[in-house]
Amino acid sequence: RTSAALAAVKRQGKRLGNPNGSVALAKGRVVQAQAADEFA
């Protein structure tokens, strides 16, 4: 989760001010959901 969050932040930072930055956030949420599934 830590690695995924850092990667998402890094991707978001590269697109700061760019509408496409929401893509990175969406990918981060997908990774979080997958990790939560594995935890369950």
Full PDB file with SEQRES, HELIX, SHEET, SSBOND, CRYST1, ORIGX, SCALE, CONECT and MASTER records, all heavy atoms in Angstrom:
SEQRES   1 A   40  ARG THR SER ALA ALA LEU ALA ALA VAL LYS ARG GLN GLY          
SEQRES   2 A   40  LYS ARG LEU GLY ASN PRO ASN GLY SER VAL ALA LEU ALA          
SEQRES   3 A   40  LYS GLY ARG VAL VAL GLN ALA GLN ALA ALA ASP GLU PHE          
SEQRES   4 A   40  ALA                                                          
HELIX    1 AA1 THR A    2  LYS A   14  1                                  13    
HELIX    2 AA2 GLY A   21  PHE A   39  1                                  19    
CRYST1    1.000    1.000    1.000  90.00  90.00  90.00 P 1           1          
ORIGX1      1.000000  0.000000  0.000000        0.00000                         
ORIGX2      0.000000  1.000000  0.000000        0.00000                         
ORIGX3      0.000000  0.000000  1.000000        0.00000                         
SCALE1      1.000000  0.000000  0.000000        0.00000                         
SCALE2      0.000000  1.000000  0.000000        0.00000                         
SCALE3      0.000000  0.000000  1.000000        0.00000                         
ATOM      1  N   ARG A   1       0.836  -1.206   0.000  1.00  0.00           N  
ATOM      2  CA  ARG A   1       0.000   0.000   0.000  1.00  0.00           C  
ATOM      3  C   ARG A   1       0.866   1.249   0.000  1.00  0.00           C  
ATOM      4  O   ARG A   1       0.565   2.227  -0.690  1.00  0.00           O  
ATOM      5  CB  ARG A   1      -0.922   0.002   1.224  1.00  0.00           C  
ATOM      6  CG  ARG A   1      -2.013  -1.038   1.192  1.00  0.00           C  
ATOM      7  CD  ARG A   1      -3.147  -0.697   2.156  1.00  0.00           C  
ATOM      8  NE  ARG A   1      -2.678  -0.546   3.516  1.00  0.00           N  
ATOM      9  CZ  ARG A   1      -2.630  -1.541   4.396  1.00  0.00           C  
ATOM     10  NH1 ARG A   1      -2.954  -2.760   4.037  1.00  0.00           N  
ATOM     11  NH2 ARG A   1      -2.223  -1.322   5.637  1.00  0.00           N  
ATOM     12  N   THR A   2       1.940   1.232   0.764  1.00  0.00           N  
ATOM     13  CA  THR A   2       2.829   2.385   0.819  1.00  0.00           C  
ATOM     14  C   THR A   2       3.465   2.648  -0.538  1.00  0.00           C  
ATOM     15  O   THR A   2       3.514   3.786  -1.013  1.00  0.00           O  
ATOM     16  CB  THR A   2       3.930   2.164   1.877  1.00  0.00           C  
ATOM     17  OG1 THR A   2       3.326   1.948   3.153  1.00  0.00           O  
ATOM     18  CG2 THR A   2       4.859   3.365   1.962  1.00  0.00           C  
ATOM     19  N   SER A   3       3.929   1.574  -1.173  1.00  0.00           N  
ATOM     20  CA  SER A   3       4.545   1.715  -2.491  1.00  0.00           C  
ATOM     21  C   SER A   3       3.542   2.237  -3.512  1.00  0.00           C  
ATOM     22  O   SER A   3       3.868   3.103  -4.330  1.00  0.00           O  
ATOM     23  CB  SER A   3       5.108   0.360  -2.954  1.00  0.00           C  
ATOM     24  OG  SER A   3       6.116  -0.087  -2.074  1.00  0.00           O  
ATOM     25  N   ALA A   4       2.326   1.705  -3.466  1.00  0.00           N  
ATOM     26  CA  ALA A   4       1.301   2.141  -4.408  1.00  0.00           C  
ATOM     27  C   ALA A   4       0.943   3.605  -4.186  1.00  0.00           C  
ATOM     28  O   ALA A   4       0.764   4.369  -5.144  1.00  0.00           O  
ATOM     29  CB  ALA A   4       0.050   1.272  -4.264  1.00  0.00           C  
ATOM     30  N   ALA A   5       0.839   4.010  -2.920  1.00  0.00           N  
ATOM     31  CA  ALA A   5       0.500   5.402  -2.615  1.00  0.00           C  
ATOM     32  C   ALA A   5       1.594   6.343  -3.087  1.00  0.00           C  
ATOM     33  O   ALA A   5       1.319   7.405  -3.670  1.00  0.00           O  
ATOM     34  CB  ALA A   5       0.269   5.555  -1.115  1.00  0.00           C  
ATOM     35  N   LEU A   6       2.853   5.969  -2.855  1.00  0.00           N  
ATOM     36  CA  LEU A   6       3.966   6.815  -3.301  1.00  0.00           C  
ATOM     37  C   LEU A   6       4.006   6.924  -4.818  1.00  0.00           C  
ATOM     38  O   LEU A   6       4.259   8.002  -5.366  1.00  0.00           O  
ATOM     39  CB  LEU A   6       5.289   6.237  -2.778  1.00  0.00           C  
ATOM     40  CG  LEU A   6       5.516   6.353  -1.268  1.00  0.00           C  
ATOM     41  CD1 LEU A   6       6.795   5.621  -0.879  1.00  0.00           C  
ATOM     42  CD2 LEU A   6       5.602   7.818  -0.842  1.00  0.00           C  
ATOM     43  N   ALA A   7       3.750   5.798  -5.491  1.00  0.00           N  
ATOM     44  CA  ALA A   7       3.738   5.819  -6.948  1.00  0.00           C  
ATOM     45  C   ALA A   7       2.614   6.696  -7.481  1.00  0.00           C  
ATOM     46  O   ALA A   7       2.795   7.452  -8.445  1.00  0.00           O  
ATOM     47  CB  ALA A   7       3.599   4.393  -7.488  1.00  0.00           C  
ATOM     48  N   ALA A   8       1.440   6.619  -6.836  1.00  0.00           N  
ATOM     49  CA  ALA A   8       0.305   7.433  -7.264  1.00  0.00           C  
ATOM     50  C   ALA A   8       0.593   8.918  -7.069  1.00  0.00           C  
ATOM     51  O   ALA A   8       0.283   9.746  -7.933  1.00  0.00           O  
ATOM     52  CB  ALA A   8      -0.946   7.031  -6.487  1.00  0.00           C  
ATOM     53  N   VAL A   9       1.200   9.250  -5.924  1.00  0.00           N  
ATOM     54  CA  VAL A   9       1.539  10.655  -5.660  1.00  0.00           C  
ATOM     55  C   VAL A   9       2.553  11.157  -6.685  1.00  0.00           C  
ATOM     56  O   VAL A   9       2.464  12.275  -7.182  1.00  0.00           O  
ATOM     57  CB  VAL A   9       2.087  10.813  -4.228  1.00  0.00           C  
ATOM     58  CG1 VAL A   9       2.695  12.193  -4.025  1.00  0.00           C  
ATOM     59  CG2 VAL A   9       0.975  10.575  -3.212  1.00  0.00           C  
ATOM     60  N   LYS A  10       3.553  10.310  -6.990  1.00  0.00           N  
ATOM     61  CA  LYS A  10       4.571  10.695  -7.961  1.00  0.00           C  
ATOM     62  C   LYS A  10       3.950  10.949  -9.326  1.00  0.00           C  
ATOM     63  O   LYS A  10       4.260  11.939  -9.993  1.00  0.00           O  
ATOM     64  CB  LYS A  10       5.626   9.604  -8.059  1.00  0.00           C  
ATOM     65  CG  LYS A  10       6.786   9.949  -8.982  1.00  0.00           C  
ATOM     66  CD  LYS A  10       7.833   8.848  -8.964  1.00  0.00           C  
ATOM     67  CE  LYS A  10       9.000   9.187  -9.877  1.00  0.00           C  
ATOM     68  NZ  LYS A  10      10.035   8.122  -9.874  1.00  0.00           N  
ATOM     69  N   ARG A  11       3.059  10.035  -9.735  1.00  0.00           N  
ATOM     70  CA  ARG A  11       2.402  10.223 -11.030  1.00  0.00           C  
ATOM     71  C   ARG A  11       1.536  11.474 -11.017  1.00  0.00           C  
ATOM     72  O   ARG A  11       1.467  12.224 -11.987  1.00  0.00           O  
ATOM     73  CB  ARG A  11       1.561   8.997 -11.365  1.00  0.00           C  
ATOM     74  CG  ARG A  11       2.377   7.759 -11.714  1.00  0.00           C  
ATOM     75  CD  ARG A  11       1.487   6.705 -12.364  1.00  0.00           C  
ATOM     76  NE  ARG A  11       0.428   6.280 -11.481  1.00  0.00           N  
ATOM     77  CZ  ARG A  11       0.542   5.262 -10.623  1.00  0.00           C  
ATOM     78  NH1 ARG A  11       1.692   4.604 -10.517  1.00  0.00           N  
ATOM     79  NH2 ARG A  11      -0.471   4.912  -9.859  1.00  0.00           N  
ATOM     80  N   GLN A  12       0.868  11.711  -9.927  1.00  0.00           N  
ATOM     81  CA  GLN A  12       0.016  12.897  -9.822  1.00  0.00           C  
ATOM     82  C   GLN A  12       0.864  14.157  -9.882  1.00  0.00           C  
ATOM     83  O   GLN A  12       0.502  15.136 -10.516  1.00  0.00           O  
ATOM     84  CB  GLN A  12      -0.764  12.873  -8.518  1.00  0.00           C  
ATOM     85  CG  GLN A  12      -1.729  14.047  -8.368  1.00  0.00           C  
ATOM     86  CD  GLN A  12      -2.401  14.050  -7.014  1.00  0.00           C  
ATOM     87  OE1 GLN A  12      -1.993  13.295  -6.137  1.00  0.00           O  
ATOM     88  NE2 GLN A  12      -3.413  14.875  -6.842  1.00  0.00           N  
ATOM     89  N   GLY A  13       2.020  14.126  -9.240  1.00  0.00           N  
ATOM     90  CA  GLY A  13       2.891  15.295  -9.227  1.00  0.00           C  
ATOM     91  C   GLY A  13       3.388  15.660 -10.611  1.00  0.00           C  
ATOM     92  O   GLY A  13       3.517  16.843 -10.950  1.00  0.00           O  
ATOM     93  N   LYS A  14       3.649  14.654 -11.410  1.00  0.00           N  
ATOM     94  CA  LYS A  14       4.128  14.924 -12.768  1.00  0.00           C  
ATOM     95  C   LYS A  14       3.049  15.588 -13.613  1.00  0.00           C  
ATOM     96  O   LYS A  14       3.336  16.241 -14.595  1.00  0.00           O  
ATOM     97  CB  LYS A  14       4.560  13.610 -13.435  1.00  0.00           C  
ATOM     98  CG  LYS A  14       5.871  13.049 -12.873  1.00  0.00           C  
ATOM     99  CD  LYS A  14       6.258  11.788 -13.604  1.00  0.00           C  
ATOM    100  CE  LYS A  14       7.586  11.248 -13.085  1.00  0.00           C  
ATOM    101  NZ  LYS A  14       7.982  10.002 -13.780  1.00  0.00           N  
ATOM    102  N   ARG A  15       1.812  15.417 -13.235  1.00  0.00           N  
ATOM    103  CA  ARG A  15       0.698  15.970 -14.012  1.00  0.00           C  
ATOM    104  C   ARG A  15      -0.003  17.092 -13.250  1.00  0.00           C  
ATOM    105  O   ARG A  15      -1.170  17.338 -13.425  1.00  0.00           O  
ATOM    106  CB  ARG A  15      -0.316  14.861 -14.325  1.00  0.00           C  
ATOM    107  CG  ARG A  15       0.244  13.751 -15.210  1.00  0.00           C  
ATOM    108  CD  ARG A  15      -0.748  12.628 -15.372  1.00  0.00           C  
ATOM    109  NE  ARG A  15      -0.316  11.623 -16.312  1.00  0.00           N  
ATOM    110  CZ  ARG A  15       0.534  10.649 -16.050  1.00  0.00           C  
ATOM    111  NH1 ARG A  15       1.042  10.533 -14.833  1.00  0.00           N  
ATOM    112  NH2 ARG A  15       0.892   9.772 -16.972  1.00  0.00           N  
ATOM    113  N   LEU A  16       0.731  17.722 -12.346  1.00  0.00           N  
ATOM    114  CA  LEU A  16       0.153  18.778 -11.517  1.00  0.00           C  
ATOM    115  C   LEU A  16      -0.456  19.862 -12.391  1.00  0.00           C  
ATOM    116  O   LEU A  16       0.210  20.419 -13.272  1.00  0.00           O  
ATOM    117  CB  LEU A  16       1.234  19.373 -10.614  1.00  0.00           C  
ATOM    118  CG  LEU A  16       0.749  20.288  -9.506  1.00  0.00           C  
ATOM    119  CD1 LEU A  16      -0.156  19.524  -8.539  1.00  0.00           C  
ATOM    120  CD2 LEU A  16       1.924  20.897  -8.754  1.00  0.00           C  
ATOM    121  N   GLY A  17      -1.734  20.124 -12.159  1.00  0.00           N  
ATOM    122  CA  GLY A  17      -2.430  21.133 -12.940  1.00  0.00           C  
ATOM    123  C   GLY A  17      -3.010  20.585 -14.230  1.00  0.00           C  
ATOM    124  O   GLY A  17      -3.675  21.302 -14.962  1.00  0.00           O  
ATOM    125  N   ASN A  18      -2.737  19.335 -14.504  1.00  0.00           N  
ATOM    126  CA  ASN A  18      -3.228  18.711 -15.721  1.00  0.00           C  
ATOM    127  C   ASN A  18      -4.456  17.878 -15.396  1.00  0.00           C  
ATOM    128  O   ASN A  18      -4.425  17.070 -14.466  1.00  0.00           O  
ATOM    129  CB  ASN A  18      -2.126  17.804 -16.291  1.00  0.00           C  
ATOM    130  CG  ASN A  18      -2.484  17.277 -17.674  1.00  0.00           C  
ATOM    131  OD1 ASN A  18      -3.618  16.912 -17.919  1.00  0.00           O  
ATOM    132  ND2 ASN A  18      -1.489  17.224 -18.546  1.00  0.00           N  
ATOM    133  N   PRO A  19      -5.531  18.008 -16.137  1.00  0.00           N  
ATOM    134  CA  PRO A  19      -6.736  17.210 -15.860  1.00  0.00           C  
ATOM    135  C   PRO A  19      -6.472  15.714 -15.862  1.00  0.00           C  
ATOM    136  O   PRO A  19      -7.171  14.947 -15.206  1.00  0.00           O  
ATOM    137  CB  PRO A  19      -7.679  17.596 -17.008  1.00  0.00           C  
ATOM    138  CG  PRO A  19      -7.211  18.949 -17.449  1.00  0.00           C  
ATOM    139  CD  PRO A  19      -5.718  18.936 -17.263  1.00  0.00           C  
ATOM    140  N   ASN A  20      -5.431  15.284 -16.588  1.00  0.00           N  
ATOM    141  CA  ASN A  20      -5.149  13.860 -16.642  1.00  0.00           C  
ATOM    142  C   ASN A  20      -4.600  13.327 -15.321  1.00  0.00           C  
ATOM    143  O   ASN A  20      -4.417  12.127 -15.147  1.00  0.00           O  
ATOM    144  CB  ASN A  20      -4.147  13.561 -17.756  1.00  0.00           C  
ATOM    145  CG  ASN A  20      -4.759  13.760 -19.130  1.00  0.00           C  
ATOM    146  OD1 ASN A  20      -5.963  13.607 -19.307  1.00  0.00           O  
ATOM    147  ND2 ASN A  20      -3.927  14.122 -20.106  1.00  0.00           N  
ATOM    148  N   GLY A  21      -4.303  14.237 -14.367  1.00  0.00           N  
ATOM    149  CA  GLY A  21      -3.823  13.791 -13.069  1.00  0.00           C  
ATOM    150  C   GLY A  21      -4.825  12.912 -12.353  1.00  0.00           C  
ATOM    151  O   GLY A  21      -4.461  12.106 -11.499  1.00  0.00           O  
ATOM    152  N   SER A  22      -6.090  13.034 -12.678  1.00  0.00           N  
ATOM    153  CA  SER A  22      -7.112  12.201 -12.043  1.00  0.00           C  
ATOM    154  C   SER A  22      -6.946  10.732 -12.412  1.00  0.00           C  
ATOM    155  O   SER A  22      -7.409   9.851 -11.694  1.00  0.00           O  
ATOM    156  CB  SER A  22      -8.506  12.673 -12.461  1.00  0.00           C  
ATOM    157  OG  SER A  22      -8.648  12.600 -13.878  1.00  0.00           O  
ATOM    158  N   VAL A  23      -6.276  10.459 -13.525  1.00  0.00           N  
ATOM    159  CA  VAL A  23      -6.037   9.075 -13.932  1.00  0.00           C  
ATOM    160  C   VAL A  23      -5.162   8.375 -12.909  1.00  0.00           C  
ATOM    161  O   VAL A  23      -5.400   7.221 -12.530  1.00  0.00           O  
ATOM    162  CB  VAL A  23      -5.378   9.027 -15.324  1.00  0.00           C  
ATOM    163  CG1 VAL A  23      -5.017   7.590 -15.689  1.00  0.00           C  
ATOM    164  CG2 VAL A  23      -6.299   9.630 -16.370  1.00  0.00           C  
ATOM    165  N   ALA A  24      -4.121   9.100 -12.437  1.00  0.00           N  
ATOM    166  CA  ALA A  24      -3.227   8.516 -11.442  1.00  0.00           C  
ATOM    167  C   ALA A  24      -3.974   8.207 -10.157  1.00  0.00           C  
ATOM    168  O   ALA A  24      -3.765   7.160  -9.540  1.00  0.00           O  
ATOM    169  CB  ALA A  24      -2.062   9.463 -11.161  1.00  0.00           C  
ATOM    170  N   LEU A  25      -4.841   9.125  -9.758  1.00  0.00           N  
ATOM    171  CA  LEU A  25      -5.624   8.895  -8.547  1.00  0.00           C  
ATOM    172  C   LEU A  25      -6.535   7.685  -8.710  1.00  0.00           C  
ATOM    173  O   LEU A  25      -6.692   6.882  -7.786  1.00  0.00           O  
ATOM    174  CB  LEU A  25      -6.451  10.135  -8.207  1.00  0.00           C  
ATOM    175  CG  LEU A  25      -5.666  11.363  -7.738  1.00  0.00           C  
ATOM    176  CD1 LEU A  25      -6.608  12.542  -7.538  1.00  0.00           C  
ATOM    177  CD2 LEU A  25      -4.927  11.062  -6.451  1.00  0.00           C  
ATOM    178  N   ALA A  26      -7.140   7.561  -9.881  1.00  0.00           N  
ATOM    179  CA  ALA A  26      -8.023   6.427 -10.131  1.00  0.00           C  
ATOM    180  C   ALA A  26      -7.239   5.115 -10.072  1.00  0.00           C  
ATOM    181  O   ALA A  26      -7.696   4.130  -9.491  1.00  0.00           O  
ATOM    182  CB  ALA A  26      -8.697   6.571 -11.498  1.00  0.00           C  
ATOM    183  N   LYS A  27      -6.030   5.108 -10.638  1.00  0.00           N  
ATOM    184  CA  LYS A  27      -5.207   3.899 -10.581  1.00  0.00           C  
ATOM    185  C   LYS A  27      -4.825   3.574  -9.141  1.00  0.00           C  
ATOM    186  O   LYS A  27      -4.793   2.406  -8.749  1.00  0.00           O  
ATOM    187  CB  LYS A  27      -3.945   4.089 -11.426  1.00  0.00           C  
ATOM    188  CG  LYS A  27      -4.217   4.108 -12.928  1.00  0.00           C  
ATOM    189  CD  LYS A  27      -2.907   4.262 -13.694  1.00  0.00           C  
ATOM    190  CE  LYS A  27      -3.165   4.227 -15.202  1.00  0.00           C  
ATOM    191  NZ  LYS A  27      -1.905   4.400 -15.973  1.00  0.00           N  
ATOM    192  N   GLY A  28      -4.544   4.623  -8.370  1.00  0.00           N  
ATOM    193  CA  GLY A  28      -4.211   4.403  -6.965  1.00  0.00           C  
ATOM    194  C   GLY A  28      -5.361   3.770  -6.211  1.00  0.00           C  
ATOM    195  O   GLY A  28      -5.147   2.883  -5.373  1.00  0.00           O  
ATOM    196  N   ARG A  29      -6.577   4.206  -6.522  1.00  0.00           N  
ATOM    197  CA  ARG A  29      -7.761   3.634  -5.866  1.00  0.00           C  
ATOM    198  C   ARG A  29      -7.940   2.170  -6.256  1.00  0.00           C  
ATOM    199  O   ARG A  29      -8.350   1.344  -5.435  1.00  0.00           O  
ATOM    200  CB  ARG A  29      -9.002   4.456  -6.208  1.00  0.00           C  
ATOM    201  CG  ARG A  29      -9.082   5.801  -5.484  1.00  0.00           C  
ATOM    202  CD  ARG A  29     -10.465   6.406  -5.603  1.00  0.00           C  
ATOM    203  NE  ARG A  29     -10.742   6.821  -6.970  1.00  0.00           N  
ATOM    204  CZ  ARG A  29     -10.486   8.033  -7.439  1.00  0.00           C  
ATOM    205  NH1 ARG A  29      -9.921   8.945  -6.642  1.00  0.00           N  
ATOM    206  NH2 ARG A  29     -10.779   8.359  -8.686  1.00  0.00           N  
ATOM    207  N   VAL A  30      -7.639   1.841  -7.502  1.00  0.00           N  
ATOM    208  CA  VAL A  30      -7.745   0.447  -7.947  1.00  0.00           C  
ATOM    209  C   VAL A  30      -6.754  -0.421  -7.188  1.00  0.00           C  
ATOM    210  O   VAL A  30      -7.094  -1.519  -6.713  1.00  0.00           O  
ATOM    211  CB  VAL A  30      -7.492   0.339  -9.469  1.00  0.00           C  
ATOM    212  CG1 VAL A  30      -7.359  -1.127  -9.883  1.00  0.00           C  
ATOM    213  CG2 VAL A  30      -8.622   1.000 -10.240  1.00  0.00           C  
ATOM    214  N   VAL A  31      -5.530   0.071  -7.033  1.00  0.00           N  
ATOM    215  CA  VAL A  31      -4.515  -0.678  -6.299  1.00  0.00           C  
ATOM    216  C   VAL A  31      -4.948  -0.878  -4.850  1.00  0.00           C  
ATOM    217  O   VAL A  31      -4.800  -1.966  -4.283  1.00  0.00           O  
ATOM    218  CB  VAL A  31      -3.153   0.044  -6.356  1.00  0.00           C  
ATOM    219  CG1 VAL A  31      -2.138  -0.611  -5.426  1.00  0.00           C  
ATOM    220  CG2 VAL A  31      -2.621   0.039  -7.784  1.00  0.00           C  
ATOM    221  N   GLN A  32      -5.494   0.181  -4.239  1.00  0.00           N  
ATOM    222  CA  GLN A  32      -5.969   0.088  -2.861  1.00  0.00           C  
ATOM    223  C   GLN A  32      -7.074  -0.948  -2.731  1.00  0.00           C  
ATOM    224  O   GLN A  32      -7.105  -1.728  -1.778  1.00  0.00           O  
ATOM    225  CB  GLN A  32      -6.482   1.455  -2.387  1.00  0.00           C  
ATOM    226  CG  GLN A  32      -5.387   2.482  -2.139  1.00  0.00           C  
ATOM    227  CD  GLN A  32      -4.680   2.230  -0.829  1.00  0.00           C  
ATOM    228  OE1 GLN A  32      -3.806   1.391  -0.748  1.00  0.00           O  
ATOM    229  NE2 GLN A  32      -5.038   2.958   0.194  1.00  0.00           N  
ATOM    230  N   ALA A  33      -7.996  -0.948  -3.687  1.00  0.00           N  
ATOM    231  CA  ALA A  33      -9.105  -1.906  -3.648  1.00  0.00           C  
ATOM    232  C   ALA A  33      -8.595  -3.333  -3.787  1.00  0.00           C  
ATOM    233  O   ALA A  33      -9.072  -4.244  -3.102  1.00  0.00           O  
ATOM    234  CB  ALA A  33     -10.107  -1.585  -4.755  1.00  0.00           C  
ATOM    235  N   GLN A  34      -7.617  -3.538  -4.655  1.00  0.00           N  
ATOM    236  CA  GLN A  34      -7.053  -4.880  -4.824  1.00  0.00           C  
ATOM    237  C   GLN A  34      -6.361  -5.348  -3.551  1.00  0.00           C  
ATOM    238  O   GLN A  34      -6.486  -6.513  -3.155  1.00  0.00           O  
ATOM    239  CB  GLN A  34      -6.074  -4.874  -5.997  1.00  0.00           C  
ATOM    240  CG  GLN A  34      -6.741  -4.703  -7.353  1.00  0.00           C  
ATOM    241  CD  GLN A  34      -5.737  -4.537  -8.488  1.00  0.00           C  
ATOM    242  OE1 GLN A  34      -4.564  -4.238  -8.253  1.00  0.00           O  
ATOM    243  NE2 GLN A  34      -6.191  -4.740  -9.709  1.00  0.00           N  
ATOM    244  N   ALA A  35      -5.628  -4.419  -2.899  1.00  0.00           N  
ATOM    245  CA  ALA A  35      -4.959  -4.776  -1.648  1.00  0.00           C  
ATOM    246  C   ALA A  35      -5.975  -5.106  -0.559  1.00  0.00           C  
ATOM    247  O   ALA A  35      -5.778  -6.032   0.236  1.00  0.00           O  
ATOM    248  CB  ALA A  35      -4.057  -3.624  -1.198  1.00  0.00           C  
ATOM    249  N   ALA A  36      -7.090  -4.355  -0.523  1.00  0.00           N  
ATOM    250  CA  ALA A  36      -8.141  -4.612   0.461  1.00  0.00           C  
ATOM    251  C   ALA A  36      -8.782  -5.975   0.213  1.00  0.00           C  
ATOM    252  O   ALA A  36      -9.128  -6.694   1.161  1.00  0.00           O  
ATOM    253  CB  ALA A  36      -9.193  -3.509   0.413  1.00  0.00           C  
ATOM    254  N   ASP A  37      -8.928  -6.355  -1.057  1.00  0.00           N  
ATOM    255  CA  ASP A  37      -9.471  -7.674  -1.382  1.00  0.00           C  
ATOM    256  C   ASP A  37      -8.538  -8.777  -0.874  1.00  0.00           C  
ATOM    257  O   ASP A  37      -8.999  -9.778  -0.304  1.00  0.00           O  
ATOM    258  CB  ASP A  37      -9.660  -7.818  -2.896  1.00  0.00           C  
ATOM    259  CG  ASP A  37     -10.814  -6.977  -3.422  1.00  0.00           C  
ATOM    260  OD1 ASP A  37     -11.617  -6.499  -2.605  1.00  0.00           O  
ATOM    261  OD2 ASP A  37     -10.895  -6.805  -4.657  1.00  0.00           O  
ATOM    262  N   GLU A  38      -7.232  -8.603  -1.089  1.00  0.00           N  
ATOM    263  CA  GLU A  38      -6.267  -9.594  -0.619  1.00  0.00           C  
ATOM    264  C   GLU A  38      -6.285  -9.692   0.903  1.00  0.00           C  
ATOM    265  O   GLU A  38      -6.154 -10.774   1.476  1.00  0.00           O  
ATOM    266  CB  GLU A  38      -4.859  -9.229  -1.112  1.00  0.00           C  
ATOM    267  CG  GLU A  38      -4.637  -9.495  -2.588  1.00  0.00           C  
ATOM    268  CD  GLU A  38      -4.849 -10.952  -2.941  1.00  0.00           C  
ATOM    269  OE1 GLU A  38      -4.318 -11.821  -2.216  1.00  0.00           O  
ATOM    270  OE2 GLU A  38      -5.568 -11.236  -3.920  1.00  0.00           O  
ATOM    271  N   PHE A  39      -6.446  -8.549   1.545  1.00  0.00           N  
ATOM    272  CA  PHE A  39      -6.511  -8.531   3.002  1.00  0.00           C  
ATOM    273  C   PHE A  39      -7.725  -9.307   3.488  1.00  0.00           C  
ATOM    274  O   PHE A  39      -7.644 -10.081   4.453  1.00  0.00           O  
ATOM    275  CB  PHE A  39      -6.573  -7.088   3.496  1.00  0.00           C  
ATOM    276  CG  PHE A  39      -6.577  -6.957   4.984  1.00  0.00           C  
ATOM    277  CD1 PHE A  39      -5.437  -7.209   5.729  1.00  0.00           C  
ATOM    278  CD2 PHE A  39      -7.730  -6.574   5.657  1.00  0.00           C  
ATOM    279  CE1 PHE A  39      -5.433  -7.089   7.103  1.00  0.00           C  
ATOM    280  CE2 PHE A  39      -7.738  -6.454   7.040  1.00  0.00           C  
ATOM    281  CZ  PHE A  39      -6.588  -6.716   7.759  1.00  0.00           C  
ATOM    282  N   ALA A  40      -8.868  -9.123   2.832  1.00  0.00           N  
ATOM    283  CA  ALA A  40     -10.081  -9.855   3.197  1.00  0.00           C  
ATOM    284  C   ALA A  40      -9.872 -11.354   3.016  1.00  0.00           C  
ATOM    285  O   ALA A  40     -10.313 -12.156   3.844  1.00  0.00           O  
ATOM    286  CB  ALA A  40     -11.261  -9.370   2.349  1.00  0.00           C  
TER     287      ALA A  40                                                      
MASTER        0    0    0    2    0    0    0    6  286    1    0    4          
END                                                                             
